[in-house]
Protein backbone atom coordinates (compact mmCIF):
# COMPACT_ATOMS: atom_id res chain seq x y z
CA MET A 1 -32.41 20.20 117.70
CA ILE A 2 -32.63 18.74 114.04
CA ARG A 3 -30.57 15.95 112.60
CA LEU A 4 -28.74 17.15 109.36
CA PHE A 5 -26.58 15.85 106.56
CA THR A 6 -25.52 16.93 103.13
CA ALA A 7 -26.00 14.57 100.15
CA LEU A 8 -26.49 13.97 96.37
CA SER A 9 -29.87 12.93 95.26
CA VAL A 10 -30.24 10.03 92.97
CA PRO A 11 -31.99 10.51 89.47
CA GLU A 12 -35.22 8.48 89.08
CA ASP A 13 -33.63 6.14 86.20
CA VAL A 14 -30.71 5.29 88.63
CA ALA A 15 -33.14 4.50 91.41
CA GLU A 16 -35.35 2.27 89.18
CA ALA A 17 -32.24 0.41 87.94
CA LEU A 18 -31.05 -0.09 91.63
CA ALA A 19 -34.61 -1.17 92.72
CA ARG A 20 -34.27 -4.10 90.23
CA ARG A 21 -31.31 -5.42 92.27
CA GLN A 22 -33.02 -4.90 95.79
CA THR A 23 -34.12 -8.47 96.15
CA GLY A 24 -33.08 -11.97 96.96
CA LEU A 25 -31.30 -11.03 100.26
CA PRO A 26 -33.50 -12.35 103.29
CA GLY A 27 -33.21 -10.00 106.22
CA ALA A 28 -32.56 -7.04 104.10
CA ARG A 29 -34.49 -3.78 104.71
CA TRP A 30 -34.30 -2.32 101.34
CA ARG A 31 -34.05 1.43 101.07
CA THR A 32 -36.91 3.06 99.10
CA ALA A 33 -36.33 5.33 96.16
CA ASP A 34 -36.81 8.53 98.39
CA GLN A 35 -34.28 7.26 100.79
CA LEU A 36 -31.45 6.75 98.31
CA HIS A 37 -28.65 9.21 98.35
CA ILE A 38 -24.86 9.54 98.53
CA THR A 39 -23.98 11.32 101.63
CA LEU A 40 -21.52 14.15 101.53
CA THR A 41 -21.27 14.99 105.23
CA PHE A 42 -23.23 13.90 108.31
CA TYR A 43 -23.64 16.67 110.81
CA GLY A 44 -25.88 14.98 113.53
CA GLU A 45 -27.99 16.83 115.87
CA VAL A 46 -27.71 20.54 115.27
CA ASP A 47 -29.47 23.46 117.21
CA GLU A 48 -31.45 25.78 114.99
CA ARG A 49 -29.02 28.75 115.37
CA ARG A 50 -25.94 26.49 114.03
CA ALA A 51 -28.31 25.02 111.37
CA ASP A 52 -28.84 28.58 110.02
CA ASP A 53 -25.12 29.20 110.15
CA LEU A 54 -24.31 25.97 108.34
CA SER A 55 -26.96 26.77 105.66
CA VAL A 56 -25.02 30.24 104.96
CA GLU A 57 -21.66 28.23 105.02
CA LEU A 58 -22.96 25.76 102.53
CA GLU A 59 -23.49 28.53 100.09
CA ARG A 60 -19.76 29.00 100.11
CA ALA A 61 -19.24 25.26 99.46
CA ALA A 62 -21.33 25.16 96.38
CA THR A 63 -18.51 26.26 93.92
CA GLY A 64 -16.76 24.39 91.11
CA GLY A 65 -19.42 23.84 88.62
CA PRO A 66 -21.12 20.64 87.61
CA PHE A 67 -19.48 17.19 87.14
CA GLU A 68 -20.52 13.69 86.65
CA ILE A 69 -19.98 10.49 88.99
CA ALA A 70 -21.08 6.86 88.36
CA LEU A 71 -21.95 3.84 90.54
CA ALA A 72 -19.68 1.08 90.37
CA GLY A 73 -19.83 -2.36 92.22
CA VAL A 74 -21.41 -3.27 95.42
CA GLY A 75 -20.15 -4.20 98.93
CA ALA A 76 -21.05 -4.49 102.52
CA PHE A 77 -20.19 -2.67 105.86
CA GLY A 78 -19.87 -4.34 109.16
CA ASP A 79 -17.57 -5.10 111.88
CA GLY A 80 -16.33 -8.65 111.05
CA HIS A 81 -19.07 -10.34 113.28
CA ARG A 82 -21.98 -8.91 111.72
CA THR A 83 -22.73 -7.26 108.31
CA ARG A 84 -25.07 -4.20 109.00
CA ALA A 85 -25.67 -2.75 105.40
CA VAL A 86 -25.10 -3.47 101.58
CA TRP A 87 -24.18 -0.71 99.29
CA ALA A 88 -23.43 0.41 95.77
CA GLY A 89 -19.98 1.95 95.29
CA VAL A 90 -19.14 5.29 93.70
CA GLU A 91 -16.27 5.50 91.27
CA ALA A 92 -13.25 7.58 92.44
CA SER A 93 -13.98 11.21 91.74
CA GLU A 94 -11.62 13.94 92.90
CA ARG A 95 -14.59 16.62 92.37
CA LEU A 96 -16.94 14.46 94.57
CA THR A 97 -14.17 14.29 97.24
CA VAL A 98 -13.52 18.08 97.07
CA LEU A 99 -17.19 18.72 97.29
CA ALA A 100 -17.42 16.55 100.54
CA GLY A 101 -14.44 18.25 101.85
CA ARG A 102 -16.16 21.49 101.38
CA THR A 103 -19.38 20.60 103.08
CA ARG A 104 -17.17 19.34 106.06
CA SER A 105 -15.32 22.43 106.27
CA ALA A 106 -18.69 24.31 106.35
CA ALA A 107 -19.48 22.50 109.65
CA GLY A 108 -16.22 23.70 111.12
CA ARG A 109 -17.04 27.27 110.17
CA ALA A 110 -20.45 27.04 111.68
CA ALA A 111 -18.87 25.41 115.00
CA ILE A 112 -20.64 21.82 114.11
CA PRO A 113 -18.21 19.07 115.25
CA VAL A 114 -18.16 16.15 112.71
CA GLU A 115 -16.54 12.65 112.87
CA ARG A 116 -12.95 12.54 111.60
CA ARG A 117 -12.84 9.70 109.05
CA ASP A 118 -11.88 9.25 105.53
CA TYR A 119 -14.69 10.11 103.04
CA ARG A 120 -15.91 6.67 101.40
CA PRO A 121 -18.71 7.65 98.99
CA HIS A 122 -21.53 5.00 98.65
CA LEU A 123 -25.24 4.68 98.35
CA THR A 124 -26.89 2.47 101.06
CA LEU A 125 -29.04 -0.12 99.37
CA ALA A 126 -30.18 -1.97 102.47
CA TYR A 127 -29.69 -2.35 106.19
CA LEU A 128 -29.56 -5.94 107.38
CA ASP A 129 -31.09 -7.75 110.42
CA ALA A 130 -28.71 -9.41 112.70
CA GLN A 131 -29.78 -12.82 111.45
CA ALA A 132 -28.88 -12.22 107.85
CA ASP A 133 -26.87 -15.08 106.66
CA PRO A 134 -23.35 -14.29 105.70
CA ALA A 135 -23.10 -16.87 102.97
CA ARG A 136 -26.41 -15.13 101.34
CA ILE A 137 -24.89 -11.73 101.64
CA ALA A 138 -21.76 -12.95 99.87
CA ALA A 139 -23.66 -14.58 97.24
CA TRP A 140 -25.72 -11.32 96.66
CA ILE A 141 -22.58 -9.29 96.50
CA ALA A 142 -21.06 -11.57 93.93
CA GLY A 143 -24.05 -11.57 92.02
CA HIS A 144 -24.28 -7.82 91.66
CA ASN A 145 -20.66 -6.65 91.85
CA LEU A 146 -20.62 -5.81 88.14
CA LEU A 147 -23.07 -2.99 88.81
CA HIS A 148 -22.03 0.16 86.87
CA SER A 149 -24.32 3.10 86.19
CA PRO A 150 -24.27 5.57 83.30
CA PRO A 151 -22.91 8.90 84.20
CA ILE A 152 -24.82 10.62 86.85
CA PRO A 153 -24.83 14.43 86.39
CA VAL A 154 -24.03 16.37 89.56
CA ASP A 155 -25.15 20.01 89.47
CA ARG A 156 -26.38 20.36 92.96
CA PHE A 157 -26.40 19.12 96.53
CA GLY A 158 -28.87 19.17 99.31
CA LEU A 159 -29.05 19.84 103.01
CA TYR A 160 -31.39 17.10 104.49
CA SER A 161 -32.94 16.70 107.79
CA SER A 162 -33.59 13.20 108.94
CA VAL A 163 -36.04 11.91 111.40
CA LEU A 164 -35.59 8.40 112.79
CA THR A 165 -38.72 6.12 112.87
CA PRO A 166 -39.36 2.35 113.76
CA ASP A 167 -39.77 2.06 109.91
CA GLY A 168 -36.47 3.69 109.07
CA SER A 169 -35.36 7.20 108.55
CA ARG A 170 -37.43 9.78 106.74
CA TYR A 171 -35.54 12.47 104.91
CA GLN A 172 -36.65 16.03 104.09
CA LEU A 173 -34.90 18.36 101.71
CA GLU A 174 -34.36 21.57 103.63
CA ARG A 175 -32.22 23.48 101.10
CA GLU A 176 -30.70 22.98 97.73
CA TYR A 177 -27.25 24.28 96.48
CA ARG A 178 -26.50 24.59 92.88
CA LEU A 179 -22.96 24.07 91.77
């Protein structure tokens, strides 16, 4: 079994700009440059045969040509009692939403079940410890909410494997698909 997802990588200049914002929030486990990405579809644990089928189906998803996206604003995910992560938002992009839908449909054609939920593109900046102070989180969000990146060219996406470790996830690009 292999844990898989499709994602857009982040250019080095954008990762460097984000790294300058990754400070001043006690309890944050900041993501490193090689961990920064914008997930298209998370597939979870997949056996090798279905992973091969998925790889073939993702070739069909790689259509539509290059486009651009931009990061805009920051926010947090949580359940009301505990904030779990802070993220950078992605400006609304029909082309990005269509691409995410195609990578999700590829899972269906490869007989891989995926969660049914609305696509909310974002880039996770940090996971937060349970004791992270809600007031500090709110202050960090207020201080960085004007985040806006220059246009980010999207001419490919990747199929990544993920290994969970005590120090966080390690990602490996398994295959790349040009648009």
